[in-house]
Amino acid sequence: LDRDHDGALREDEFVAARLERFSAADADGDGKLTRAELRQR
């Protein structure tokens, strides 16, 4: 998660990790998470 390896998570690193998780769950890539996508994940 610490992309710049400074020993701390900055806001942009934190947000990037959250967006990766969201994108991984968004199976159809429409920018929304449905109950079905959450169940699948």
PDB file of all heavy atoms in Angstrom:
ATOM      1  N   LEU A   1       0.811  -1.213   0.000  1.00  0.00           N
ATOM      2  CA  LEU A   1       0.000   0.000   0.000  1.00  0.00           C
ATOM      3  C   LEU A   1       0.848   1.269   0.000  1.00  0.00           C
ATOM      4  O   LEU A   1       0.456   2.284  -0.570  1.00  0.00           O
ATOM      5  CB  LEU A   1      -0.936   0.009   1.212  1.00  0.00           C
ATOM      6  CG  LEU A   1      -2.003  -1.073   1.249  1.00  0.00           C
ATOM      7  CD1 LEU A   1      -2.746  -1.028   2.576  1.00  0.00           C
ATOM      8  CD2 LEU A   1      -2.953  -0.959   0.083  1.00  0.00           C
ATOM      9  N   ASP A   2       2.000   1.229   0.651  1.00  0.00           N
ATOM     10  CA  ASP A   2       2.896   2.386   0.776  1.00  0.00           C
ATOM     11  C   ASP A   2       3.717   2.514  -0.505  1.00  0.00           C
ATOM     12  O   ASP A   2       4.879   2.130  -0.580  1.00  0.00           O
ATOM     13  CB  ASP A   2       3.804   2.202   2.000  1.00  0.00           C
ATOM     14  CG  ASP A   2       4.705   3.389   2.242  1.00  0.00           C
ATOM     15  OD1 ASP A   2       4.442   4.484   1.710  1.00  0.00           O
ATOM     16  OD2 ASP A   2       5.697   3.211   2.981  1.00  0.00           O
ATOM     17  N   ARG A   3       3.112   3.082  -1.511  1.00  0.00           N
ATOM     18  CA  ARG A   3       3.702   3.094  -2.858  1.00  0.00           C
ATOM     19  C   ARG A   3       5.008   3.863  -2.961  1.00  0.00           C
ATOM     20  O   ARG A   3       5.853   3.542  -3.788  1.00  0.00           O
ATOM     21  CB  ARG A   3       2.686   3.635  -3.858  1.00  0.00           C
ATOM     22  CG  ARG A   3       1.517   2.682  -3.984  1.00  0.00           C
ATOM     23  CD  ARG A   3       0.466   3.194  -4.899  1.00  0.00           C
ATOM     24  NE  ARG A   3      -0.602   2.204  -4.946  1.00  0.00           N
ATOM     25  CZ  ARG A   3      -1.472   2.127  -5.907  1.00  0.00           C
ATOM     26  NH1 ARG A   3      -1.436   2.966  -6.902  1.00  0.00           N
ATOM     27  NH2 ARG A   3      -2.403   1.208  -5.873  1.00  0.00           N
ATOM     28  N   ASP A   4       5.193   4.890  -2.140  1.00  0.00           N
ATOM     29  CA  ASP A   4       6.452   5.630  -2.203  1.00  0.00           C
ATOM     30  C   ASP A   4       7.450   5.155  -1.144  1.00  0.00           C
ATOM     31  O   ASP A   4       8.540   5.695  -1.018  1.00  0.00           O
ATOM     32  CB  ASP A   4       6.226   7.140  -2.086  1.00  0.00           C
ATOM     33  CG  ASP A   4       5.662   7.559  -0.747  1.00  0.00           C
ATOM     34  OD1 ASP A   4       5.451   6.690   0.128  1.00  0.00           O
ATOM     35  OD2 ASP A   4       5.423   8.765  -0.571  1.00  0.00           O
ATOM     36  N   HIS A   5       7.075   4.137  -0.390  1.00  0.00           N
ATOM     37  CA  HIS A   5       7.955   3.486   0.594  1.00  0.00           C
ATOM     38  C   HIS A   5       8.552   4.462   1.600  1.00  0.00           C
ATOM     39  O   HIS A   5       9.711   4.330   1.978  1.00  0.00           O
ATOM     40  CB  HIS A   5       9.051   2.678  -0.112  1.00  0.00           C
ATOM     41  CG  HIS A   5       8.496   1.750  -1.138  1.00  0.00           C
ATOM     42  ND1 HIS A   5       7.773   0.625  -0.813  1.00  0.00           N
ATOM     43  CD2 HIS A   5       8.518   1.809  -2.488  1.00  0.00           C
ATOM     44  CE1 HIS A   5       7.386   0.027  -1.921  1.00  0.00           C
ATOM     45  NE2 HIS A   5       7.819   0.707  -2.952  1.00  0.00           N
ATOM     46  N   ASP A   6       7.714   5.404   2.066  1.00  0.00           N
ATOM     47  CA  ASP A   6       8.192   6.359   3.072  1.00  0.00           C
ATOM     48  C   ASP A   6       7.796   5.941   4.488  1.00  0.00           C
ATOM     49  O   ASP A   6       8.046   6.660   5.447  1.00  0.00           O
ATOM     50  CB  ASP A   6       7.694   7.772   2.774  1.00  0.00           C
ATOM     51  CG  ASP A   6       6.184   7.923   2.916  1.00  0.00           C
ATOM     52  OD1 ASP A   6       5.480   6.908   3.094  1.00  0.00           O
ATOM     53  OD2 ASP A   6       5.716   9.074   2.851  1.00  0.00           O
ATOM     54  N   GLY A   7       7.178   4.773   4.623  1.00  0.00           N
ATOM     55  CA  GLY A   7       6.812   4.285   5.939  1.00  0.00           C
ATOM     56  C   GLY A   7       5.494   4.817   6.468  1.00  0.00           C
ATOM     57  O   GLY A   7       5.160   4.612   7.630  1.00  0.00           O
ATOM     58  N   ALA A   8       4.737   5.506   5.633  1.00  0.00           N
ATOM     59  CA  ALA A   8       3.442   6.054   6.031  1.00  0.00           C
ATOM     60  C   ALA A   8       2.493   5.989   4.845  1.00  0.00           C
ATOM     61  O   ALA A   8       2.926   6.066   3.693  1.00  0.00           O
ATOM     62  CB  ALA A   8       3.596   7.500   6.496  1.00  0.00           C
ATOM     63  N   LEU A   9       1.206   5.846   5.127  1.00  0.00           N
ATOM     64  CA  LEU A   9       0.216   5.879   4.058  1.00  0.00           C
ATOM     65  C   LEU A   9      -0.333   7.289   3.951  1.00  0.00           C
ATOM     66  O   LEU A   9      -0.929   7.816   4.887  1.00  0.00           O
ATOM     67  CB  LEU A   9      -0.932   4.906   4.355  1.00  0.00           C
ATOM     68  CG  LEU A   9      -0.589   3.431   4.324  1.00  0.00           C
ATOM     69  CD1 LEU A   9      -1.816   2.606   4.668  1.00  0.00           C
ATOM     70  CD2 LEU A   9      -0.032   3.025   2.979  1.00  0.00           C
ATOM     71  N   ARG A  10      -0.087   7.903   2.805  1.00  0.00           N
ATOM     72  CA  ARG A  10      -0.652   9.223   2.528  1.00  0.00           C
ATOM     73  C   ARG A  10      -2.080   9.045   2.024  1.00  0.00           C
ATOM     74  O   ARG A  10      -2.494   7.958   1.650  1.00  0.00           O
ATOM     75  CB  ARG A  10       0.188   9.946   1.475  1.00  0.00           C
ATOM     76  CG  ARG A  10       1.552  10.371   1.932  1.00  0.00           C
ATOM     77  CD  ARG A  10       2.279  11.205   0.861  1.00  0.00           C
ATOM     78  NE  ARG A  10       1.872  10.890  -0.498  1.00  0.00           N
ATOM     79  CZ  ARG A  10       2.432   9.924  -1.249  1.00  0.00           C
ATOM     80  NH1 ARG A  10       3.406   9.193  -0.785  1.00  0.00           N
ATOM     81  NH2 ARG A  10       2.007   9.716  -2.470  1.00  0.00           N
ATOM     82  N   GLU A  11      -2.808  10.134   1.982  1.00  0.00           N
ATOM     83  CA  GLU A  11      -4.196  10.083   1.544  1.00  0.00           C
ATOM     84  C   GLU A  11      -4.316   9.497   0.133  1.00  0.00           C
ATOM     85  O   GLU A  11      -5.183   8.667  -0.124  1.00  0.00           O
ATOM     86  CB  GLU A  11      -4.823  11.482   1.578  1.00  0.00           C
ATOM     87  CG  GLU A  11      -6.279  11.486   1.170  1.00  0.00           C
ATOM     88  CD  GLU A  11      -6.904  12.867   1.244  1.00  0.00           C
ATOM     89  OE1 GLU A  11      -6.176  13.855   1.467  1.00  0.00           O
ATOM     90  OE2 GLU A  11      -8.109  12.948   1.058  1.00  0.00           O
ATOM     91  N   ASP A  12      -3.437   9.892  -0.781  1.00  0.00           N
ATOM     92  CA  ASP A  12      -3.545   9.384  -2.148  1.00  0.00           C
ATOM     93  C   ASP A  12      -3.270   7.871  -2.208  1.00  0.00           C
ATOM     94  O   ASP A  12      -3.899   7.162  -2.992  1.00  0.00           O
ATOM     95  CB  ASP A  12      -2.619  10.145  -3.104  1.00  0.00           C
ATOM     96  CG  ASP A  12      -1.155  10.022  -2.765  1.00  0.00           C
ATOM     97  OD1 ASP A  12      -0.791  10.122  -1.574  1.00  0.00           O
ATOM     98  OD2 ASP A  12      -0.346   9.849  -3.702  1.00  0.00           O
ATOM     99  N   GLU A  13      -2.373   7.366  -1.355  1.00  0.00           N
ATOM    100  CA  GLU A  13      -2.116   5.927  -1.316  1.00  0.00           C
ATOM    101  C   GLU A  13      -3.326   5.195  -0.745  1.00  0.00           C
ATOM    102  O   GLU A  13      -3.720   4.137  -1.245  1.00  0.00           O
ATOM    103  CB  GLU A  13      -0.878   5.631  -0.461  1.00  0.00           C
ATOM    104  CG  GLU A  13       0.409   6.129  -1.094  1.00  0.00           C
ATOM    105  CD  GLU A  13       1.588   6.098  -0.153  1.00  0.00           C
ATOM    106  OE1 GLU A  13       1.399   6.359   1.062  1.00  0.00           O
ATOM    107  OE2 GLU A  13       2.695   5.833  -0.628  1.00  0.00           O
ATOM    108  N   PHE A  14      -3.912   5.767   0.283  1.00  0.00           N
ATOM    109  CA  PHE A  14      -5.101   5.194   0.910  1.00  0.00           C
ATOM    110  C   PHE A  14      -6.255   5.156  -0.087  1.00  0.00           C
ATOM    111  O   PHE A  14      -6.917   4.127  -0.256  1.00  0.00           O
ATOM    112  CB  PHE A  14      -5.462   6.013   2.144  1.00  0.00           C
ATOM    113  CG  PHE A  14      -6.669   5.529   2.873  1.00  0.00           C
ATOM    114  CD1 PHE A  14      -6.593   4.430   3.705  1.00  0.00           C
ATOM    115  CD2 PHE A  14      -7.884   6.184   2.746  1.00  0.00           C
ATOM    116  CE1 PHE A  14      -7.708   3.974   4.399  1.00  0.00           C
ATOM    117  CE2 PHE A  14      -8.998   5.743   3.427  1.00  0.00           C
ATOM    118  CZ  PHE A  14      -8.918   4.636   4.256  1.00  0.00           C
ATOM    119  N   VAL A  15      -6.481   6.263  -0.773  1.00  0.00           N
ATOM    120  CA  VAL A  15      -7.574   6.344  -1.750  1.00  0.00           C
ATOM    121  C   VAL A  15      -7.320   5.376  -2.910  1.00  0.00           C
ATOM    122  O   VAL A  15      -8.245   4.691  -3.368  1.00  0.00           O
ATOM    123  CB  VAL A  15      -7.751   7.794  -2.253  1.00  0.00           C
ATOM    124  CG1 VAL A  15      -8.699   7.857  -3.435  1.00  0.00           C
ATOM    125  CG2 VAL A  15      -8.250   8.683  -1.115  1.00  0.00           C
ATOM    126  N   ALA A  16      -6.075   5.270  -3.361  1.00  0.00           N
ATOM    127  CA  ALA A  16      -5.749   4.351  -4.460  1.00  0.00           C
ATOM    128  C   ALA A  16      -6.083   2.913  -4.077  1.00  0.00           C
ATOM    129  O   ALA A  16      -6.639   2.156  -4.885  1.00  0.00           O
ATOM    130  CB  ALA A  16      -4.282   4.478  -4.842  1.00  0.00           C
ATOM    131  N   ALA A  17      -5.766   2.527  -2.831  1.00  0.00           N
ATOM    132  CA  ALA A  17      -6.078   1.172  -2.367  1.00  0.00           C
ATOM    133  C   ALA A  17      -7.582   0.945  -2.340  1.00  0.00           C
ATOM    134  O   ALA A  17      -8.070  -0.118  -2.737  1.00  0.00           O
ATOM    135  CB  ALA A  17      -5.463   0.937  -0.992  1.00  0.00           C
ATOM    136  N   ARG A  18      -8.331   1.950  -1.886  1.00  0.00           N
ATOM    137  CA  ARG A  18      -9.791   1.829  -1.854  1.00  0.00           C
ATOM    138  C   ARG A  18     -10.340   1.701  -3.269  1.00  0.00           C
ATOM    139  O   ARG A  18     -11.244   0.900  -3.525  1.00  0.00           O
ATOM    140  CB  ARG A  18     -10.409   3.031  -1.150  1.00  0.00           C
ATOM    141  CG  ARG A  18     -10.154   2.999   0.343  1.00  0.00           C
ATOM    142  CD  ARG A  18     -10.637   4.203   1.084  1.00  0.00           C
ATOM    143  NE  ARG A  18     -11.864   4.769   0.591  1.00  0.00           N
ATOM    144  CZ  ARG A  18     -12.306   5.956   0.918  1.00  0.00           C
ATOM    145  NH1 ARG A  18     -11.629   6.707   1.760  1.00  0.00           N
ATOM    146  NH2 ARG A  18     -13.433   6.422   0.434  1.00  0.00           N
ATOM    147  N   LEU A  19      -9.809   2.489  -4.202  1.00  0.00           N
ATOM    148  CA  LEU A  19     -10.291   2.421  -5.583  1.00  0.00           C
ATOM    149  C   LEU A  19      -9.965   1.077  -6.230  1.00  0.00           C
ATOM    150  O   LEU A  19     -10.762   0.548  -7.006  1.00  0.00           O
ATOM    151  CB  LEU A  19      -9.706   3.573  -6.405  1.00  0.00           C
ATOM    152  CG  LEU A  19     -10.257   4.950  -6.052  1.00  0.00           C
ATOM    153  CD1 LEU A  19      -9.510   6.043  -6.828  1.00  0.00           C
ATOM    154  CD2 LEU A  19     -11.755   5.032  -6.323  1.00  0.00           C
ATOM    155  N   GLU A  20      -8.805   0.516  -5.898  1.00  0.00           N
ATOM    156  CA  GLU A  20      -8.460  -0.817  -6.415  1.00  0.00           C
ATOM    157  C   GLU A  20      -9.477  -1.846  -5.933  1.00  0.00           C
ATOM    158  O   GLU A  20      -9.923  -2.695  -6.705  1.00  0.00           O
ATOM    159  CB  GLU A  20      -7.071  -1.231  -5.948  1.00  0.00           C
ATOM    160  CG  GLU A  20      -5.944  -0.523  -6.652  1.00  0.00           C
ATOM    161  CD  GLU A  20      -4.589  -0.841  -6.019  1.00  0.00           C
ATOM    162  OE1 GLU A  20      -4.512  -1.763  -5.160  1.00  0.00           O
ATOM    163  OE2 GLU A  20      -3.618  -0.172  -6.384  1.00  0.00           O
ATOM    164  N   ARG A  21      -9.834  -1.763  -4.655  1.00  0.00           N
ATOM    165  CA  ARG A  21     -10.807  -2.704  -4.096  1.00  0.00           C
ATOM    166  C   ARG A  21     -12.179  -2.522  -4.745  1.00  0.00           C
ATOM    167  O   ARG A  21     -12.861  -3.483  -5.050  1.00  0.00           O
ATOM    168  CB  ARG A  21     -10.899  -2.540  -2.583  1.00  0.00           C
ATOM    169  CG  ARG A  21      -9.662  -3.019  -1.894  1.00  0.00           C
ATOM    170  CD  ARG A  21      -9.684  -2.699  -0.417  1.00  0.00           C
ATOM    171  NE  ARG A  21      -8.431  -3.089   0.164  1.00  0.00           N
ATOM    172  CZ  ARG A  21      -8.309  -3.943   1.161  1.00  0.00           C
ATOM    173  NH1 ARG A  21      -9.370  -4.465   1.701  1.00  0.00           N
ATOM    174  NH2 ARG A  21      -7.126  -4.262   1.622  1.00  0.00           N
ATOM    175  N   PHE A  22     -12.567  -1.267  -4.941  1.00  0.00           N
ATOM    176  CA  PHE A  22     -13.848  -0.988  -5.583  1.00  0.00           C
ATOM    177  C   PHE A  22     -13.836  -1.545  -7.004  1.00  0.00           C
ATOM    178  O   PHE A  22     -14.761  -2.250  -7.415  1.00  0.00           O
ATOM    179  CB  PHE A  22     -14.112   0.523  -5.608  1.00  0.00           C
ATOM    180  CG  PHE A  22     -15.450   0.883  -6.192  1.00  0.00           C
ATOM    181  CD1 PHE A  22     -16.550   1.034  -5.371  1.00  0.00           C
ATOM    182  CD2 PHE A  22     -15.600   1.061  -7.553  1.00  0.00           C
ATOM    183  CE1 PHE A  22     -17.792   1.353  -5.908  1.00  0.00           C
ATOM    184  CE2 PHE A  22     -16.835   1.380  -8.100  1.00  0.00           C
ATOM    185  CZ  PHE A  22     -17.935   1.527  -7.274  1.00  0.00           C
ATOM    186  N   SER A  23     -12.783  -1.254  -7.763  1.00  0.00           N
ATOM    187  CA  SER A  23     -12.696  -1.717  -9.147  1.00  0.00           C
ATOM    188  C   SER A  23     -12.702  -3.233  -9.234  1.00  0.00           C
ATOM    189  O   SER A  23     -13.307  -3.805 -10.147  1.00  0.00           O
ATOM    190  CB  SER A  23     -11.438  -1.164  -9.812  1.00  0.00           C
ATOM    191  OG  SER A  23     -11.516   0.240  -9.904  1.00  0.00           O
ATOM    192  N   ALA A  24     -12.036  -3.890  -8.286  1.00  0.00           N
ATOM    193  CA  ALA A  24     -12.019  -5.350  -8.289  1.00  0.00           C
ATOM    194  C   ALA A  24     -13.410  -5.922  -8.056  1.00  0.00           C
ATOM    195  O   ALA A  24     -13.766  -6.960  -8.614  1.00  0.00           O
ATOM    196  CB  ALA A  24     -11.053  -5.858  -7.226  1.00  0.00           C
ATOM    197  N   ALA A  25     -14.224  -5.254  -7.261  1.00  0.00           N
ATOM    198  CA  ALA A  25     -15.579  -5.732  -6.981  1.00  0.00           C
ATOM    199  C   ALA A  25     -16.560  -5.358  -8.083  1.00  0.00           C
ATOM    200  O   ALA A  25     -17.571  -6.034  -8.262  1.00  0.00           O
ATOM    201  CB  ALA A  25     -16.055  -5.158  -5.645  1.00  0.00           C
ATOM    202  N   ASP A  26     -16.277  -4.315  -8.839  1.00  0.00           N
ATOM    203  CA  ASP A  26     -17.173  -3.820  -9.898  1.00  0.00           C
ATOM    204  C   ASP A  26     -16.993  -4.680 -11.154  1.00  0.00           C
ATOM    205  O   ASP A  26     -16.312  -4.308 -12.091  1.00  0.00           O
ATOM    206  CB  ASP A  26     -16.857  -2.350 -10.186  1.00  0.00           C
ATOM    207  CG  ASP A  26     -17.806  -1.729 -11.191  1.00  0.00           C
ATOM    208  OD1 ASP A  26     -18.882  -2.306 -11.450  1.00  0.00           O
ATOM    209  OD2 ASP A  26     -17.452  -0.664 -11.730  1.00  0.00           O
ATOM    210  N   ALA A  27     -17.622  -5.863 -11.137  1.00  0.00           N
ATOM    211  CA  ALA A  27     -17.414  -6.868 -12.183  1.00  0.00           C
ATOM    212  C   ALA A  27     -17.729  -6.368 -13.590  1.00  0.00           C
ATOM    213  O   ALA A  27     -17.039  -6.714 -14.547  1.00  0.00           O
ATOM    214  CB  ALA A  27     -18.240  -8.119 -11.879  1.00  0.00           C
ATOM    215  N   ASP A  28     -18.767  -5.545 -13.734  1.00  0.00           N
ATOM    216  CA  ASP A  28     -19.137  -5.092 -15.073  1.00  0.00           C
ATOM    217  C   ASP A  28     -18.505  -3.747 -15.440  1.00  0.00           C
ATOM    218  O   ASP A  28     -18.716  -3.235 -16.536  1.00  0.00           O
ATOM    219  CB  ASP A  28     -20.654  -5.046 -15.249  1.00  0.00           C
ATOM    220  CG  ASP A  28     -21.344  -4.091 -14.286  1.00  0.00           C
ATOM    221  OD1 ASP A  28     -20.654  -3.333 -13.575  1.00  0.00           O
ATOM    222  OD2 ASP A  28     -22.594  -4.102 -14.245  1.00  0.00           O
ATOM    223  N   GLY A  29     -17.740  -3.166 -14.538  1.00  0.00           N
ATOM    224  CA  GLY A  29     -17.016  -1.937 -14.838  1.00  0.00           C
ATOM    225  C   GLY A  29     -17.875  -0.713 -15.055  1.00  0.00           C
ATOM    226  O   GLY A  29     -17.435   0.256 -15.670  1.00  0.00           O
ATOM    227  N   ASP A  30     -19.096  -0.709 -14.483  1.00  0.00           N
ATOM    228  CA  ASP A  30     -19.986   0.431 -14.706  1.00  0.00           C
ATOM    229  C   ASP A  30     -19.833   1.539 -13.659  1.00  0.00           C
ATOM    230  O   ASP A  30     -20.557   2.523 -13.673  1.00  0.00           O
ATOM    231  CB  ASP A  30     -21.446  -0.024 -14.780  1.00  0.00           C
ATOM    232  CG  ASP A  30     -21.993  -0.546 -13.455  1.00  0.00           C
ATOM    233  OD1 ASP A  30     -21.202  -0.679 -12.482  1.00  0.00           O
ATOM    234  OD2 ASP A  30     -23.195  -0.836 -13.396  1.00  0.00           O
ATOM    235  N   GLY A  31     -18.887   1.364 -12.737  1.00  0.00           N
ATOM    236  CA  GLY A  31     -18.673   2.386 -11.718  1.00  0.00           C
ATOM    237  C   GLY A  31     -19.646   2.329 -10.558  1.00  0.00           C
ATOM    238  O   GLY A  31     -19.682   3.231  -9.731  1.00  0.00           O
ATOM    239  N   LYS A  32     -20.423   1.247 -10.482  1.00  0.00           N
ATOM    240  CA  LYS A  32     -21.378   1.048  -9.390  1.00  0.00           C
ATOM    241  C   LYS A  32     -21.230  -0.378  -8.875  1.00  0.00           C
ATOM    242  O   LYS A  32     -20.925  -1.287  -9.641  1.00  0.00           O
ATOM    243  CB  LYS A  32     -22.816   1.247  -9.872  1.00  0.00           C
ATOM    244  CG  LYS A  32     -23.118   2.634 -10.391  1.00  0.00           C
ATOM    245  CD  LYS A  32     -24.574   2.743 -10.785  1.00  0.00           C
ATOM    246  CE  LYS A  32     -24.660   2.521 -12.280  1.00  0.00           C
ATOM    247  NZ  LYS A  32     -26.013   2.663 -12.810  1.00  0.00           N
ATOM    248  N   LEU A  33     -21.483  -0.554  -7.571  1.00  0.00           N
ATOM    249  CA  LEU A  33     -21.481  -1.898  -6.993  1.00  0.00           C
ATOM    250  C   LEU A  33     -22.911  -2.312  -6.711  1.00  0.00           C
ATOM    251  O   LEU A  33     -23.646  -1.611  -6.011  1.00  0.00           O
ATOM    252  CB  LEU A  33     -20.670  -1.937  -5.694  1.00  0.00           C
ATOM    253  CG  LEU A  33     -19.177  -1.740  -5.839  1.00  0.00           C
ATOM    254  CD1 LEU A  33     -18.500  -1.777  -4.472  1.00  0.00           C
ATOM    255  CD2 LEU A  33     -18.574  -2.795  -6.748  1.00  0.00           C
ATOM    256  N   THR A  34     -23.313  -3.434  -7.282  1.00  0.00           N
ATOM    257  CA  THR A  34     -24.636  -3.986  -7.008  1.00  0.00           C
ATOM    258  C   THR A  34     -24.525  -5.032  -5.897  1.00  0.00           C
ATOM    259  O   THR A  34     -23.427  -5.491  -5.565  1.00  0.00           O
ATOM    260  CB  THR A  34     -25.212  -4.660  -8.265  1.00  0.00           C
ATOM    261  OG1 THR A  34     -24.376  -5.783  -8.597  1.00  0.00           O
ATOM    262  CG2 THR A  34     -25.288  -3.691  -9.449  1.00  0.00           C
ATOM    263  N   ARG A  35     -25.667  -5.411  -5.356  1.00  0.00           N
ATOM    264  CA  ARG A  35     -25.665  -6.475  -4.348  1.00  0.00           C
ATOM    265  C   ARG A  35     -25.079  -7.758  -4.931  1.00  0.00           C
ATOM    266  O   ARG A  35     -24.355  -8.480  -4.254  1.00  0.00           O
ATOM    267  CB  ARG A  35     -27.080  -6.733  -3.839  1.00  0.00           C
ATOM    268  CG  ARG A  35     -27.548  -5.680  -2.889  1.00  0.00           C
ATOM    269  CD  ARG A  35     -28.857  -6.105  -2.232  1.00  0.00           C
ATOM    270  NE  ARG A  35     -29.259  -5.086  -1.292  1.00  0.00           N
ATOM    271  CZ  ARG A  35     -30.403  -4.436  -1.340  1.00  0.00           C
ATOM    272  NH1 ARG A  35     -31.282  -4.715  -2.274  1.00  0.00           N
ATOM    273  NH2 ARG A  35     -30.678  -3.524  -0.440  1.00  0.00           N
ATOM    274  N   ALA A  36     -25.415  -8.042  -6.181  1.00  0.00           N
ATOM    275  CA  ALA A  36     -24.897  -9.257  -6.823  1.00  0.00           C
ATOM    276  C   ALA A  36     -23.370  -9.220  -6.917  1.00  0.00           C
ATOM    277  O   ALA A  36     -22.705 -10.227  -6.678  1.00  0.00           O
ATOM    278  CB  ALA A  36     -25.517  -9.422  -8.212  1.00  0.00           C
ATOM    279  N   GLU A  37     -22.817  -8.059  -7.268  1.00  0.00           N
ATOM    280  CA  GLU A  37     -21.351  -7.948  -7.346  1.00  0.00           C
ATOM    281  C   GLU A  37     -20.717  -8.119  -5.967  1.00  0.00           C
ATOM    282  O   GLU A  37     -19.667  -8.766  -5.837  1.00  0.00           O
ATOM    283  CB  GLU A  37     -20.951  -6.603  -7.950  1.00  0.00           C
ATOM    284  CG  GLU A  37     -21.233  -6.511  -9.437  1.00  0.00           C
ATOM    285  CD  GLU A  37     -21.081  -5.116  -9.993  1.00  0.00           C
ATOM    286  OE1 GLU A  37     -21.424  -4.136  -9.296  1.00  0.00           O
ATOM    287  OE2 GLU A  37     -20.625  -5.003 -11.150  1.00  0.00           O
ATOM    288  N   LEU A  38     -21.335  -7.551  -4.938  1.00  0.00           N
ATOM    289  CA  LEU A  38     -20.810  -7.707  -3.581  1.00  0.00           C
ATOM    290  C   LEU A  38     -20.880  -9.158  -3.126  1.00  0.00           C
ATOM    291  O   LEU A  38     -19.936  -9.669  -2.521  1.00  0.00           O
ATOM    292  CB  LEU A  38     -21.556  -6.796  -2.605  1.00  0.00           C
ATOM    293  CG  LEU A  38     -21.301  -5.301  -2.789  1.00  0.00           C
ATOM    294  CD1 LEU A  38     -22.196  -4.498  -1.856  1.00  0.00           C
ATOM    295  CD2 LEU A  38     -19.844  -4.970  -2.556  1.00  0.00           C
ATOM    296  N   ARG A  39     -21.997  -9.832  -3.446  1.00  0.00           N
ATOM    297  CA  ARG A  39     -22.111 -11.261  -3.092  1.00  0.00           C
ATOM    298  C   ARG A  39     -21.066 -12.078  -3.829  1.00  0.00           C
ATOM    299  O   ARG A  39     -20.423 -12.953  -3.240  1.00  0.00           O
ATOM    300  CB  ARG A  39     -23.516 -11.780  -3.411  1.00  0.00           C
ATOM    301  CG  ARG A  39     -24.546 -11.460  -2.354  1.00  0.00           C
ATOM    302  CD  ARG A  39     -25.833 -12.251  -2.557  1.00  0.00           C
ATOM    303  NE  ARG A  39     -26.454 -11.980  -3.840  1.00  0.00           N
ATOM    304  CZ  ARG A  39     -27.357 -11.024  -4.064  1.00  0.00           C
ATOM    305  NH1 ARG A  39     -27.752 -10.250  -3.084  1.00  0.00           N
ATOM    306  NH2 ARG A  39     -27.857 -10.850  -5.248  1.00  0.00           N
ATOM    307  N   GLN A  40     -20.870 -11.786  -5.106  1.00  0.00           N
ATOM    308  CA  GLN A  40     -19.874 -12.502  -5.904  1.00  0.00           C
ATOM    309  C   GLN A  40     -18.478 -12.304  -5.311  1.00  0.00           C
ATOM    310  O   GLN A  40     -17.703 -13.238  -5.196  1.00  0.00           O
ATOM    311  CB  GLN A  40     -19.908 -12.013  -7.346  1.00  0.00           C
ATOM    312  CG  GLN A  40     -18.875 -12.639  -8.246  1.00  0.00           C
ATOM    313  CD  GLN A  40     -18.928 -12.062  -9.650  1.00  0.00           C
ATOM    314  OE1 GLN A  40     -19.797 -11.281  -9.997  1.00  0.00           O
ATOM    315  NE2 GLN A  40     -17.972 -12.453 -10.474  1.00  0.00           N
ATOM    316  N   ARG A  41     -18.173 -11.092  -4.915  1.00  0.00           N
ATOM    317  CA  ARG A  41     -16.860 -10.786  -4.324  1.00  0.00           C
ATOM    318  C   ARG A  41     -16.684 -11.496  -2.991  1.00  0.00           C
ATOM    319  O   ARG A  41     -15.613 -12.009  -2.684  1.00  0.00           O
ATOM    320  CB  ARG A  41     -16.706  -9.272  -4.175  1.00  0.00           C
ATOM    321  CG  ARG A  41     -15.307  -8.857  -4.045  1.00  0.00           C
ATOM    322  CD  ARG A  41     -14.588  -9.163  -5.339  1.00  0.00           C
ATOM    323  NE  ARG A  41     -13.191  -8.860  -5.168  1.00  0.00           N
ATOM    324  CZ  ARG A  41     -12.245  -9.373  -5.884  1.00  0.00           C
ATOM    325  NH1 ARG A  41     -12.524 -10.210  -6.849  1.00  0.00           N
ATOM    326  NH2 ARG A  41     -10.999  -9.050  -5.677  1.00  0.00           N
TER     327      ARG A  41
END
